[in-house]
Amino acid sequence: MEKKLPDHFIFEQPCPIRDVLDRIGDQWSLLVLEALEPGTLRFNELGRVIGDISKQMLSKTLKHLEQDGFIQRTLYPEVPPRVEYQLTTLGHSFLEPMQQLITWADTHHQAICEARTAYRKS
């Protein structure tokens, strides 16, 4: 006889694929992770590297990535305070599959655009 899990257990344990992709699949997370690949950056440096992200959205994205363990935030007790961001071991481990996704998107972007155009015409 199969043992049924309590309902509260099911909701406390999200699907790993959806859980991770919901976070890193947003508009900005991959760009932030890619920007941090070369090394440590400060908030304004990250904003300049990414370009068209608002400070509010950058702050929100950084908090989510820190919460999930992809990046580390270091606050230095200086006046004015200095804050730096860098990839964690987990963040570095994500770079290879992330780069594969970026390469795939670059390689197939034209075909996807053509399929969208064909779909709209049909």
PDB file of N, CA and C in Angstrom:
ATOM      1  N   MET A   1       0.831  -1.171   0.000  1.00  0.00           N
ATOM      2  CA  MET A   1       0.000   0.000   0.000  1.00  0.00           C
ATOM      3  C   MET A   1       0.887   1.250   0.000  1.00  0.00           C
ATOM      4  N   GLU A   2       0.589   2.184  -0.907  1.00  0.00           N
ATOM      5  CA  GLU A   2       1.390   3.401  -1.045  1.00  0.00           C
ATOM      6  C   GLU A   2       1.064   4.377   0.078  1.00  0.00           C
ATOM      7  N   LYS A   3       2.095   4.929   0.685  1.00  0.00           N
ATOM      8  CA  LYS A   3       1.920   5.888   1.769  1.00  0.00           C
ATOM      9  C   LYS A   3       1.661   7.274   1.183  1.00  0.00           C
ATOM     10  N   LYS A   4       0.613   7.936   1.602  1.00  0.00           N
ATOM     11  CA  LYS A   4       0.251   9.269   1.116  1.00  0.00           C
ATOM     12  C   LYS A   4       0.895  10.310   2.024  1.00  0.00           C
ATOM     13  N   LEU A   5       1.538  11.311   1.403  1.00  0.00           N
ATOM     14  CA  LEU A   5       2.144  12.400   2.169  1.00  0.00           C
ATOM     15  C   LEU A   5       1.073  13.377   2.626  1.00  0.00           C
ATOM     16  N   PRO A   6       1.240  13.943   3.808  1.00  0.00           N
ATOM     17  CA  PRO A   6       0.292  14.965   4.255  1.00  0.00           C
ATOM     18  C   PRO A   6       0.318  16.165   3.308  1.00  0.00           C
ATOM     19  N   ASP A   7      -0.829  16.827   3.140  1.00  0.00           N
ATOM     20  CA  ASP A   7      -0.940  17.972   2.224  1.00  0.00           C
ATOM     21  C   ASP A   7       0.050  19.076   2.553  1.00  0.00           C
ATOM     22  N   HIS A   8       0.294  19.350   3.832  1.00  0.00           N
ATOM     23  CA  HIS A   8       1.218  20.428   4.189  1.00  0.00           C
ATOM     24  C   HIS A   8       2.638  20.124   3.706  1.00  0.00           C
ATOM     25  N   PHE A   9       3.014  18.859   3.649  1.00  0.00           N
ATOM     26  CA  PHE A   9       4.341  18.484   3.175  1.00  0.00           C
ATOM     27  C   PHE A   9       4.496  18.792   1.691  1.00  0.00           C
ATOM     28  N   ILE A  10       3.488  18.504   0.925  1.00  0.00           N
ATOM     29  CA  ILE A  10       3.535  18.728  -0.519  1.00  0.00           C
ATOM     30  C   ILE A  10       3.741  20.216  -0.819  1.00  0.00           C
ATOM     31  N   PHE A  11       3.040  21.082  -0.115  1.00  0.00           N
ATOM     32  CA  PHE A  11       3.146  22.511  -0.382  1.00  0.00           C
ATOM     33  C   PHE A  11       4.432  23.122   0.163  1.00  0.00           C
ATOM     34  N   GLU A  12       5.034  22.503   1.174  1.00  0.00           N
ATOM     35  CA  GLU A  12       6.282  23.013   1.720  1.00  0.00           C
ATOM     36  C   GLU A  12       7.482  22.599   0.869  1.00  0.00           C
ATOM     37  N   GLN A  13       7.306  21.632  -0.007  1.00  0.00           N
ATOM     38  CA  GLN A  13       8.390  21.138  -0.844  1.00  0.00           C
ATOM     39  C   GLN A  13       8.068  21.427  -2.309  1.00  0.00           C
ATOM     40  N   PRO A  14       8.425  22.624  -2.797  1.00  0.00           N
ATOM     41  CA  PRO A  14       8.078  22.953  -4.182  1.00  0.00           C
ATOM     42  C   PRO A  14       8.855  22.094  -5.184  1.00  0.00           C
ATOM     43  N   CYS A  15       8.322  22.037  -6.373  1.00  0.00           N
ATOM     44  CA  CYS A  15       9.016  21.345  -7.458  1.00  0.00           C
ATOM     45  C   CYS A  15      10.362  22.024  -7.668  1.00  0.00           C
ATOM     46  N   PRO A  16      11.469  21.293  -7.606  1.00  0.00           N
ATOM     47  CA  PRO A  16      12.785  21.920  -7.725  1.00  0.00           C
ATOM     48  C   PRO A  16      12.966  22.691  -9.030  1.00  0.00           C
ATOM     49  N   ILE A  17      12.462  22.161 -10.113  1.00  0.00           N
ATOM     50  CA  ILE A  17      12.639  22.820 -11.408  1.00  0.00           C
ATOM     51  C   ILE A  17      11.918  24.158 -11.423  1.00  0.00           C
ATOM     52  N   ARG A  18      10.645  24.150 -11.056  1.00  0.00           N
ATOM     53  CA  ARG A  18       9.885  25.409 -11.037  1.00  0.00           C
ATOM     54  C   ARG A  18      10.457  26.386 -10.029  1.00  0.00           C
ATOM     55  N   ASP A  19      10.845  25.888  -8.871  1.00  0.00           N
ATOM     56  CA  ASP A  19      11.362  26.743  -7.808  1.00  0.00           C
ATOM     57  C   ASP A  19      12.618  27.491  -8.255  1.00  0.00           C
ATOM     58  N   VAL A  20      13.556  26.779  -8.855  1.00  0.00           N
ATOM     59  CA  VAL A  20      14.806  27.402  -9.291  1.00  0.00           C
ATOM     60  C   VAL A  20      14.579  28.267 -10.530  1.00  0.00           C
ATOM     61  N   LEU A  21      13.850  27.748 -11.510  1.00  0.00           N
ATOM     62  CA  LEU A  21      13.633  28.510 -12.740  1.00  0.00           C
ATOM     63  C   LEU A  21      12.803  29.768 -12.513  1.00  0.00           C
ATOM     64  N   ASP A  22      11.883  29.736 -11.562  1.00  0.00           N
ATOM     65  CA  ASP A  22      11.124  30.950 -11.246  1.00  0.00           C
ATOM     66  C   ASP A  22      12.058  32.063 -10.788  1.00  0.00           C
ATOM     67  N   ARG A  23      13.102  31.709 -10.075  1.00  0.00           N
ATOM     68  CA  ARG A  23      14.008  32.719  -9.542  1.00  0.00           C
ATOM     69  C   ARG A  23      15.013  33.187 -10.590  1.00  0.00           C
ATOM     70  N   ILE A  24      15.706  32.253 -11.213  1.00  0.00           N
ATOM     71  CA  ILE A  24      16.750  32.656 -12.148  1.00  0.00           C
ATOM     72  C   ILE A  24      16.210  32.961 -13.536  1.00  0.00           C
ATOM     73  N   GLY A  25      14.952  32.610 -13.776  1.00  0.00           N
ATOM     74  CA  GLY A  25      14.358  32.840 -15.081  1.00  0.00           C
ATOM     75  C   GLY A  25      13.693  34.192 -15.212  1.00  0.00           C
ATOM     76  N   ASP A  26      13.873  35.055 -14.238  1.00  0.00           N
ATOM     77  CA  ASP A  26      13.286  36.385 -14.352  1.00  0.00           C
ATOM     78  C   ASP A  26      14.094  37.214 -15.351  1.00  0.00           C
ATOM     79  N   GLN A  27      13.728  38.435 -15.525  1.00  0.00           N
ATOM     80  CA  GLN A  27      14.337  39.278 -16.553  1.00  0.00           C
ATOM     81  C   GLN A  27      15.787  39.648 -16.253  1.00  0.00           C
ATOM     82  N   TRP A  28      16.193  39.666 -14.984  1.00  0.00           N
ATOM     83  CA  TRP A  28      17.481  40.250 -14.638  1.00  0.00           C
ATOM     84  C   TRP A  28      18.500  39.305 -14.014  1.00  0.00           C
ATOM     85  N   SER A  29      18.089  38.222 -13.407  1.00  0.00           N
ATOM     86  CA  SER A  29      19.012  37.391 -12.627  1.00  0.00           C
ATOM     87  C   SER A  29      20.186  36.860 -13.443  1.00  0.00           C
ATOM     88  N   LEU A  30      19.919  36.349 -14.641  1.00  0.00           N
ATOM     89  CA  LEU A  30      21.022  35.829 -15.462  1.00  0.00           C
ATOM     90  C   LEU A  30      22.013  36.927 -15.817  1.00  0.00           C
ATOM     91  N   LEU A  31      21.506  38.126 -16.069  1.00  0.00           N
ATOM     92  CA  LEU A  31      22.396  39.235 -16.399  1.00  0.00           C
ATOM     93  C   LEU A  31      23.268  39.622 -15.209  1.00  0.00           C
ATOM     94  N   VAL A  32      22.697  39.594 -14.019  1.00  0.00           N
ATOM     95  CA  VAL A  32      23.472  39.897 -12.813  1.00  0.00           C
ATOM     96  C   VAL A  32      24.535  38.829 -12.592  1.00  0.00           C
ATOM     97  N   LEU A  33      24.149  37.572 -12.701  1.00  0.00           N
ATOM     98  CA  LEU A  33      25.118  36.488 -12.514  1.00  0.00           C
ATOM     99  C   LEU A  33      26.233  36.561 -13.549  1.00  0.00           C
ATOM    100  N   GLU A  34      25.882  36.840 -14.778  1.00  0.00           N
ATOM    101  CA  GLU A  34      26.897  36.962 -15.834  1.00  0.00           C
ATOM    102  C   GLU A  34      27.821  38.147 -15.558  1.00  0.00           C
ATOM    103  N   ALA A  35      27.265  39.248 -15.076  1.00  0.00           N
ATOM    104  CA  ALA A  35      28.076  40.432 -14.771  1.00  0.00           C
ATOM    105  C   ALA A  35      29.066  40.150 -13.647  1.00  0.00           C
ATOM    106  N   LEU A  36      28.703  39.277 -12.716  1.00  0.00           N
ATOM    107  CA  LEU A  36      29.581  38.965 -11.587  1.00  0.00           C
ATOM    108  C   LEU A  36      30.588  37.851 -11.899  1.00  0.00           C
ATOM    109  N   GLU A  37      30.480  37.256 -13.067  1.00  0.00           N
ATOM    110  CA  GLU A  37      31.401  36.163 -13.417  1.00  0.00           C
ATOM    111  C   GLU A  37      32.870  36.583 -13.325  1.00  0.00           C
ATOM    112  N   PRO A  38      33.265  37.751 -13.844  1.00  0.00           N
ATOM    113  CA  PRO A  38      34.684  38.122 -13.760  1.00  0.00           C
ATOM    114  C   PRO A  38      35.182  38.407 -12.348  1.00  0.00           C
ATOM    115  N   GLY A  39      34.286  38.788 -11.447  1.00  0.00           N
ATOM    116  CA  GLY A  39      34.728  39.065 -10.081  1.00  0.00           C
ATOM    117  C   GLY A  39      33.785  39.995  -9.340  1.00  0.00           C
ATOM    118  N   THR A  40      34.269  40.482  -8.227  1.00  0.00           N
ATOM    119  CA  THR A  40      33.497  41.310  -7.311  1.00  0.00           C
ATOM    120  C   THR A  40      33.168  42.670  -7.915  1.00  0.00           C
ATOM    121  N   LEU A  41      31.908  43.096  -7.707  1.00  0.00           N
ATOM    122  CA  LEU A  41      31.481  44.418  -8.167  1.00  0.00           C
ATOM    123  C   LEU A  41      30.651  45.099  -7.088  1.00  0.00           C
ATOM    124  N   ARG A  42      30.682  46.412  -7.108  1.00  0.00           N
ATOM    125  CA  ARG A  42      29.833  47.203  -6.233  1.00  0.00           C
ATOM    126  C   ARG A  42      28.499  47.444  -6.940  1.00  0.00           C
ATOM    127  N   PHE A  43      27.516  47.925  -6.180  1.00  0.00           N
ATOM    128  CA  PHE A  43      26.155  48.107  -6.687  1.00  0.00           C
ATOM    129  C   PHE A  43      26.125  48.950  -7.956  1.00  0.00           C
ATOM    130  N   ASN A  44      26.715  50.141  -7.912  1.00  0.00           N
ATOM    131  CA  ASN A  44      26.678  51.031  -9.080  1.00  0.00           C
ATOM    132  C   ASN A  44      27.459  50.458 -10.262  1.00  0.00           C
ATOM    133  N   GLU A  45      28.528  49.730  -9.980  1.00  0.00           N
ATOM    134  CA  GLU A  45      29.261  49.077 -11.063  1.00  0.00           C
ATOM    135  C   GLU A  45      28.376  48.037 -11.758  1.00  0.00           C
ATOM    136  N   LEU A  46      27.653  47.271 -10.961  1.00  0.00           N
ATOM    137  CA  LEU A  46      26.721  46.289 -11.533  1.00  0.00           C
ATOM    138  C   LEU A  46      25.686  46.986 -12.409  1.00  0.00           C
ATOM    139  N   GLY A  47      25.142  48.069 -11.914  1.00  0.00           N
ATOM    140  CA  GLY A  47      24.152  48.822 -12.685  1.00  0.00           C
ATOM    141  C   GLY A  47      24.703  49.289 -14.020  1.00  0.00           C
ATOM    142  N   ARG A  48      25.952  49.756 -14.021  1.00  0.00           N
ATOM    143  CA  ARG A  48      26.572  50.221 -15.275  1.00  0.00           C
ATOM    144  C   ARG A  48      26.832  49.061 -16.234  1.00  0.00           C
ATOM    145  N   VAL A  49      27.273  47.923 -15.699  1.00  0.00           N
ATOM    146  CA  VAL A  49      27.556  46.764 -16.547  1.00  0.00           C
ATOM    147  C   VAL A  49      26.268  46.263 -17.215  1.00  0.00           C
ATOM    148  N   ILE A  50      25.194  46.194 -16.438  1.00  0.00           N
ATOM    149  CA  ILE A  50      23.926  45.681 -16.972  1.00  0.00           C
ATOM    150  C   ILE A  50      23.262  46.720 -17.868  1.00  0.00           C
ATOM    151  N   GLY A  51      23.324  47.968 -17.488  1.00  0.00           N
ATOM    152  CA  GLY A  51      22.826  49.032 -18.353  1.00  0.00           C
ATOM    153  C   GLY A  51      21.443  49.526 -18.028  1.00  0.00           C
ATOM    154  N   ASP A  52      20.436  48.857 -18.496  1.00  0.00           N
ATOM    155  CA  ASP A  52      19.080  49.404 -18.442  1.00  0.00           C
ATOM    156  C   ASP A  52      18.233  48.875 -17.283  1.00  0.00           C
ATOM    157  N   ILE A  53      18.855  48.523 -16.187  1.00  0.00           N
ATOM    158  CA  ILE A  53      18.121  48.046 -15.011  1.00  0.00           C
ATOM    159  C   ILE A  53      17.974  49.201 -14.023  1.00  0.00           C
ATOM    160  N   SER A  54      16.786  49.342 -13.440  1.00  0.00           N
ATOM    161  CA  SER A  54      16.585  50.391 -12.436  1.00  0.00           C
ATOM    162  C   SER A  54      17.287  49.989 -11.134  1.00  0.00           C
ATOM    163  N   LYS A  55      17.600  50.963 -10.315  1.00  0.00           N
ATOM    164  CA  LYS A  55      18.244  50.677  -9.029  1.00  0.00           C
ATOM    165  C   LYS A  55      17.339  49.814  -8.155  1.00  0.00           C
ATOM    166  N   GLN A  56      16.047  50.091  -8.200  1.00  0.00           N
ATOM    167  CA  GLN A  56      15.092  49.311  -7.410  1.00  0.00           C
ATOM    168  C   GLN A  56      15.080  47.847  -7.851  1.00  0.00           C
ATOM    169  N   MET A  57      15.062  47.611  -9.156  1.00  0.00           N
ATOM    170  CA  MET A  57      15.035  46.233  -9.657  1.00  0.00           C
ATOM    171  C   MET A  57      16.372  45.536  -9.409  1.00  0.00           C
ATOM    172  N   LEU A  58      17.471  46.262  -9.530  1.00  0.00           N
ATOM    173  CA  LEU A  58      18.779  45.673  -9.241  1.00  0.00           C
ATOM    174  C   LEU A  58      18.839  45.258  -7.774  1.00  0.00           C
ATOM    175  N   SER A  59      18.389  46.117  -6.895  1.00  0.00           N
ATOM    176  CA  SER A  59      18.388  45.811  -5.467  1.00  0.00           C
ATOM    177  C   SER A  59      17.538  44.571  -5.173  1.00  0.00           C
ATOM    178  N   LYS A  60      16.360  44.493  -5.751  1.00  0.00           N
ATOM    179  CA  LYS A  60      15.461  43.354  -5.553  1.00  0.00           C
ATOM    180  C   LYS A  60      16.092  42.066  -6.082  1.00  0.00           C
ATOM    181  N   THR A  61      16.689  42.144  -7.263  1.00  0.00           N
ATOM    182  CA  THR A  61      17.315  40.967  -7.870  1.00  0.00           C
ATOM    183  C   THR A  61      18.495  40.489  -7.027  1.00  0.00           C
ATOM    184  N   LEU A  62      19.314  41.418  -6.556  1.00  0.00           N
ATOM    185  CA  LEU A  62      20.454  41.049  -5.722  1.00  0.00           C
ATOM    186  C   LEU A  62      19.999  40.379  -4.426  1.00  0.00           C
ATOM    187  N   LYS A  63      18.944  40.896  -3.821  1.00  0.00           N
ATOM    188  CA  LYS A  63      18.430  40.293  -2.584  1.00  0.00           C
ATOM    189  C   LYS A  63      17.954  38.872  -2.832  1.00  0.00           C
ATOM    190  N   HIS A  64      17.256  38.652  -3.941  1.00  0.00           N
ATOM    191  CA  HIS A  64      16.780  37.301  -4.252  1.00  0.00           C
ATOM    192  C   HIS A  64      17.951  36.353  -4.504  1.00  0.00           C
ATOM    193  N   LEU A  65      18.943  36.809  -5.251  1.00  0.00           N
ATOM    194  CA  LEU A  65      20.093  35.952  -5.538  1.00  0.00           C
ATOM    195  C   LEU A  65      20.903  35.662  -4.281  1.00  0.00           C
ATOM    196  N   GLU A  66      20.981  36.630  -3.388  1.00  0.00           N
ATOM    197  CA  GLU A  66      21.663  36.406  -2.107  1.00  0.00           C
ATOM    198  C   GLU A  66      20.863  35.426  -1.253  1.00  0.00           C
ATOM    199  N   GLN A  67      19.564  35.610  -1.213  1.00  0.00           N
ATOM    200  CA  GLN A  67      18.690  34.733  -0.436  1.00  0.00           C
ATOM    201  C   GLN A  67      18.824  33.278  -0.894  1.00  0.00           C
ATOM    202  N   ASP A  68      18.964  33.063  -2.195  1.00  0.00           N
ATOM    203  CA  ASP A  68      19.075  31.718  -2.741  1.00  0.00           C
ATOM    204  C   ASP A  68      20.503  31.178  -2.734  1.00  0.00           C
ATOM    205  N   GLY A  69      21.462  31.977  -2.295  1.00  0.00           N
ATOM    206  CA  GLY A  69      22.832  31.502  -2.163  1.00  0.00           C
ATOM    207  C   GLY A  69      23.688  31.617  -3.406  1.00  0.00           C
ATOM    208  N   PHE A  70      23.222  32.329  -4.435  1.00  0.00           N
ATOM    209  CA  PHE A  70      24.012  32.493  -5.660  1.00  0.00           C
ATOM    210  C   PHE A  70      25.104  33.549  -5.496  1.00  0.00           C
ATOM    211  N   ILE A  71      24.831  34.570  -4.690  1.00  0.00           N
ATOM    212  CA  ILE A  71      25.804  35.640  -4.501  1.00  0.00           C
ATOM    213  C   ILE A  71      25.997  35.921  -3.016  1.00  0.00           C
ATOM    214  N   GLN A  72      27.114  36.563  -2.730  1.00  0.00           N
ATOM    215  CA  GLN A  72      27.424  36.985  -1.365  1.00  0.00           C
ATOM    216  C   GLN A  72      27.529  38.505  -1.361  1.00  0.00           C
ATOM    217  N   ARG A  73      26.905  39.121  -0.385  1.00  0.00           N
ATOM    218  CA  ARG A  73      26.945  40.569  -0.193  1.00  0.00           C
ATOM    219  C   ARG A  73      27.862  40.841   0.986  1.00  0.00           C
ATOM    220  N   THR A  74      28.859  41.706   0.774  1.00  0.00           N
ATOM    221  CA  THR A  74      29.775  42.054   1.845  1.00  0.00           C
ATOM    222  C   THR A  74      29.663  43.547   2.110  1.00  0.00           C
ATOM    223  N   LEU A  75      29.334  43.886   3.360  1.00  0.00           N
ATOM    224  CA  LEU A  75      29.210  45.274   3.786  1.00  0.00           C
ATOM    225  C   LEU A  75      30.435  45.629   4.603  1.00  0.00           C
ATOM    226  N   TYR A  76      31.139  46.682   4.176  1.00  0.00           N
ATOM    227  CA  TYR A  76      32.318  47.144   4.888  1.00  0.00           C
ATOM    228  C   TYR A  76      31.934  48.330   5.762  1.00  0.00           C
ATOM    229  N   PRO A  77      32.339  48.301   7.035  1.00  0.00           N
ATOM    230  CA  PRO A  77      31.955  49.366   7.971  1.00  0.00           C
ATOM    231  C   PRO A  77      32.794  50.629   7.751  1.00  0.00           C
ATOM    232  N   GLU A  78      32.530  51.295   6.664  1.00  0.00           N
ATOM    233  CA  GLU A  78      33.236  52.526   6.306  1.00  0.00           C
ATOM    234  C   GLU A  78      32.216  53.640   6.176  1.00  0.00           C
ATOM    235  N   VAL A  79      32.708  54.859   6.094  1.00  0.00           N
ATOM    236  CA  VAL A  79      31.823  55.999   5.847  1.00  0.00           C
ATOM    237  C   VAL A  79      32.277  56.646   4.549  1.00  0.00           C
ATOM    238  N   PRO A  80      31.446  56.646   3.508  1.00  0.00           N
ATOM    239  CA  PRO A  80      30.147  55.977   3.431  1.00  0.00           C
ATOM    240  C   PRO A  80      30.339  54.463   3.335  1.00  0.00           C
ATOM    241  N   PRO A  81      29.294  53.709   3.686  1.00  0.00           N
ATOM    242  CA  PRO A  81      29.417  52.242   3.643  1.00  0.00           C
ATOM    243  C   PRO A  81      29.730  51.746   2.231  1.00  0.00           C
ATOM    244  N   ARG A  82      30.561  50.733   2.167  1.00  0.00           N
ATOM    245  CA  ARG A  82      30.907  50.107   0.885  1.00  0.00           C
ATOM    246  C   ARG A  82      30.305  48.715   0.881  1.00  0.00           C
ATOM    247  N   VAL A  83      29.602  48.399  -0.197  1.00  0.00           N
ATOM    248  CA  VAL A  83      28.971  47.087  -0.338  1.00  0.00           C
ATOM    249  C   VAL A  83      29.462  46.465  -1.635  1.00  0.00           C
ATOM    250  N   GLU A  84      29.895  45.218  -1.543  1.00  0.00           N
ATOM    251  CA  GLU A  84      30.367  44.506  -2.728  1.00  0.00           C
ATOM    252  C   GLU A  84      29.601  43.191  -2.874  1.00  0.00           C
ATOM    253  N   TYR A  85      29.486  42.770  -4.124  1.00  0.00           N
ATOM    254  CA  TYR A  85      28.780  41.530  -4.452  1.00  0.00           C
ATOM    255  C   TYR A  85      29.715  40.622  -5.228  1.00  0.00           C
ATOM    256  N   GLN A  86      29.642  39.324  -4.907  1.00  0.00           N
ATOM    257  CA  GLN A  86      30.428  38.340  -5.639  1.00  0.00           C
ATOM    258  C   GLN A  86      29.672  37.022  -5.678  1.00  0.00           C
ATOM    259  N   LEU A  87      30.028  36.205  -6.643  1.00  0.00           N
ATOM    260  CA  LEU A  87      29.418  34.884  -6.755  1.00  0.00           C
ATOM    261  C   LEU A  87      29.898  33.985  -5.628  1.00  0.00           C
ATOM    262  N   THR A  88      29.011  33.147  -5.140  1.00  0.00           N
ATOM    263  CA  THR A  88      29.377  32.112  -4.172  1.00  0.00           C
ATOM    264  C   THR A  88      29.803  30.860  -4.947  1.00  0.00           C
ATOM    265  N   THR A  89      30.152  29.821  -4.229  1.00  0.00           N
ATOM    266  CA  THR A  89      30.468  28.547  -4.870  1.00  0.00           C
ATOM    267  C   THR A  89      29.274  28.062  -5.668  1.00  0.00           C
ATOM    268  N   LEU A  90      28.078  28.191  -5.093  1.00  0.00           N
ATOM    269  CA  LEU A  90      26.852  27.809  -5.804  1.00  0.00           C
ATOM    270  C   LEU A  90      26.682  28.644  -7.070  1.00  0.00           C
ATOM    271  N   GLY A  91      26.912  29.945  -6.968  1.00  0.00           N
ATOM    272  CA  GLY A  91      26.816  30.824  -8.133  1.00  0.00           C
ATOM    273  C   GLY A  91      27.799  30.436  -9.220  1.00  0.00           C
ATOM    274  N   HIS A  92      29.035  30.141  -8.821  1.00  0.00           N
ATOM    275  CA  HIS A  92      30.035  29.706  -9.810  1.00  0.00           C
ATOM    276  C   HIS A  92      29.628  28.382 -10.457  1.00  0.00           C
ATOM    277  N   SER A  93      29.015  27.497  -9.682  1.00  0.00           N
ATOM    278  CA  SER A  93      28.620  26.200 -10.245  1.00  0.00           C
ATOM    279  C   SER A  93      27.517  26.351 -11.283  1.00  0.00           C
ATOM    280  N   PHE A  94      26.785  27.455 -11.232  1.00  0.00           N
ATOM    281  CA  PHE A  94      25.707  27.691 -12.183  1.00  0.00           C
ATOM    282  C   PHE A  94      26.205  28.316 -13.489  1.00  0.00           C
ATOM    283  N   LEU A  95      27.428  28.829 -13.517  1.00  0.00           N
ATOM    284  CA  LEU A  95      27.927  29.533 -14.699  1.00  0.00           C
ATOM    285  C   LEU A  95      27.959  28.663 -15.948  1.00  0.00           C
ATOM    286  N   GLU A  96      28.397  27.410 -15.827  1.00  0.00           N
ATOM    287  CA  GLU A  96      28.492  26.555 -17.011  1.00  0.00           C
ATOM    288  C   GLU A  96      27.123  26.277 -17.634  1.00  0.00           C
ATOM    289  N   PRO A  97      26.139  25.791 -16.862  1.00  0.00           N
ATOM    290  CA  PRO A  97      24.831  25.593 -17.497  1.00  0.00           C
ATOM    291  C   PRO A  97      24.204  26.909 -17.960  1.00  0.00           C
ATOM    292  N   MET A  98      24.466  27.994 -17.240  1.00  0.00           N
ATOM    293  CA  MET A  98      23.941  29.295 -17.655  1.00  0.00           C
ATOM    294  C   MET A  98      24.543  29.705 -19.003  1.00  0.00           C
ATOM    295  N   GLN A  99      25.838  29.501 -19.160  1.00  0.00           N
ATOM    296  CA  GLN A  99      26.496  29.862 -20.415  1.00  0.00           C
ATOM    297  C   GLN A  99      25.978  29.006 -21.565  1.00  0.00           C
ATOM    298  N   GLN A 100      25.673  27.745 -21.294  1.00  0.00           N
ATOM    299  CA  GLN A 100      25.087  26.891 -22.329  1.00  0.00           C
ATOM    300  C   GLN A 100      23.731  27.426 -22.762  1.00  0.00           C
ATOM    301  N   LEU A 101      22.934  27.874 -21.808  1.00  0.00           N
ATOM    302  CA  LEU A 101      21.628  28.457 -22.128  1.00  0.00           C
ATOM    303  C   LEU A 101      21.787  29.739 -22.940  1.00  0.00           C
ATOM    304  N   ILE A 102      22.722  30.593 -22.547  1.00  0.00           N
ATOM    305  CA  ILE A 102      22.971  31.844 -23.273  1.00  0.00           C
ATOM    306  C   ILE A 102      23.428  31.546 -24.697  1.00  0.00           C
ATOM    307  N   THR A 103      24.345  30.596 -24.843  1.00  0.00           N
ATOM    308  CA  THR A 103      24.830  30.226 -26.174  1.00  0.00           C
ATOM    309  C   THR A 103      23.698  29.674 -27.024  1.00  0.00           C
ATOM    310  N   TRP A 104      22.860  28.811 -26.435  1.00  0.00           N
ATOM    311  CA  TRP A 104      21.728  28.259 -27.172  1.00  0.00           C
ATOM    312  C   TRP A 104      20.790  29.380 -27.614  1.00  0.00           C
ATOM    313  N   ALA A 105      20.498  30.313 -26.721  1.00  0.00           N
ATOM    314  CA  ALA A 105      19.598  31.427 -27.054  1.00  0.00           C
ATOM    315  C   ALA A 105      20.189  32.274 -28.177  1.00  0.00           C
ATOM    316  N   ASP A 106      21.482  32.574 -28.109  1.00  0.00           N
ATOM    317  CA  ASP A 106      22.135  33.350 -29.172  1.00  0.00           C
ATOM    318  C   ASP A 106      22.079  32.614 -30.506  1.00  0.00           C
ATOM    319  N   THR A 107      22.356  31.321 -30.466  1.00  0.00           N
ATOM    320  CA  THR A 107      22.374  30.518 -31.683  1.00  0.00           C
ATOM    321  C   THR A 107      20.998  30.412 -32.333  1.00  0.00           C
ATOM    322  N   HIS A 108      19.959  30.301 -31.532  1.00  0.00           N
ATOM    323  CA  HIS A 108      18.622  30.037 -32.059  1.00  0.00           C
ATOM    324  C   HIS A 108      17.688  31.243 -32.065  1.00  0.00           C
ATOM    325  N   HIS A 109      18.172  32.389 -31.667  1.00  0.00           N
ATOM    326  CA  HIS A 109      17.304  33.562 -31.569  1.00  0.00           C
ATOM    327  C   HIS A 109      16.667  33.929 -32.909  1.00  0.00           C
ATOM    328  N   GLN A 110      17.433  33.907 -33.970  1.00  0.00           N
ATOM    329  CA  GLN A 110      16.897  34.250 -35.293  1.00  0.00           C
ATOM    330  C   GLN A 110      15.775  33.293 -35.697  1.00  0.00           C
ATOM    331  N   ALA A 111      15.977  32.003 -35.465  1.00  0.00           N
ATOM    332  CA  ALA A 111      14.942  31.018 -35.802  1.00  0.00           C
ATOM    333  C   ALA A 111      13.676  31.237 -34.972  1.00  0.00           C
ATOM    334  N   ILE A 112      13.834  31.599 -33.725  1.00  0.00           N
ATOM    335  CA  ILE A 112      12.682  31.864 -32.864  1.00  0.00           C
ATOM    336  C   ILE A 112      11.932  33.096 -33.356  1.00  0.00           C
ATOM    337  N   CYS A 113      12.675  34.142 -33.712  1.00  0.00           N
ATOM    338  CA  CYS A 113      12.037  35.357 -34.246  1.00  0.00           C
ATOM    339  C   CYS A 113      11.281  35.058 -35.545  1.00  0.00           C
ATOM    340  N   GLU A 114      11.876  34.250 -36.398  1.00  0.00           N
ATOM    341  CA  GLU A 114      11.214  33.874 -37.653  1.00  0.00           C
ATOM    342  C   GLU A 114       9.954  33.056 -37.386  1.00  0.00           C
ATOM    343  N   ALA A 115      10.016  32.161 -36.409  1.00  0.00           N
ATOM    344  CA  ALA A 115       8.829  31.368 -36.080  1.00  0.00           C
ATOM    345  C   ALA A 115       7.719  32.257 -35.527  1.00  0.00           C
ATOM    346  N   ARG A 116       8.072  33.242 -34.723  1.00  0.00           N
ATOM    347  CA  ARG A 116       7.062  34.176 -34.205  1.00  0.00           C
ATOM    348  C   ARG A 116       6.405  34.959 -35.335  1.00  0.00           C
ATOM    349  N   THR A 117       7.229  35.413 -36.262  1.00  0.00           N
ATOM    350  CA  THR A 117       6.681  36.176 -37.411  1.00  0.00           C
ATOM    351  C   THR A 117       5.758  35.288 -38.218  1.00  0.00           C
ATOM    352  N   ALA A 118       6.168  34.067 -38.501  1.00  0.00           N
ATOM    353  CA  ALA A 118       5.336  33.133 -39.265  1.00  0.00           C
ATOM    354  C   ALA A 118       4.028  32.843 -38.526  1.00  0.00           C
ATOM    355  N   TYR A 119       4.074  32.725 -37.241  1.00  0.00           N
ATOM    356  CA  TYR A 119       2.886  32.451 -36.439  1.00  0.00           C
ATOM    357  C   TYR A 119       1.908  33.610 -36.524  1.00  0.00           C
ATOM    358  N   ARG A 120       2.417  34.830 -36.430  1.00  0.00           N
ATOM    359  CA  ARG A 120       1.546  36.009 -36.506  1.00  0.00           C
ATOM    360  C   ARG A 120       0.882  36.129 -37.873  1.00  0.00           C
ATOM    361  N   LYS A 121       1.566  35.694 -38.913  1.00  0.00           N
ATOM    362  CA  LYS A 121       1.026  35.791 -40.280  1.00  0.00           C
ATOM    363  C   LYS A 121      -0.011  34.718 -40.558  1.00  0.00           C
ATOM    364  N   SER A 122       0.015  33.652 -39.788  1.00  0.00           N
ATOM    365  CA  SER A 122      -0.923  32.543 -40.055  1.00  0.00           C
ATOM    366  C   SER A 122      -2.287  32.779 -39.445  1.00  0.00           C
TER     367      SER A 122
END
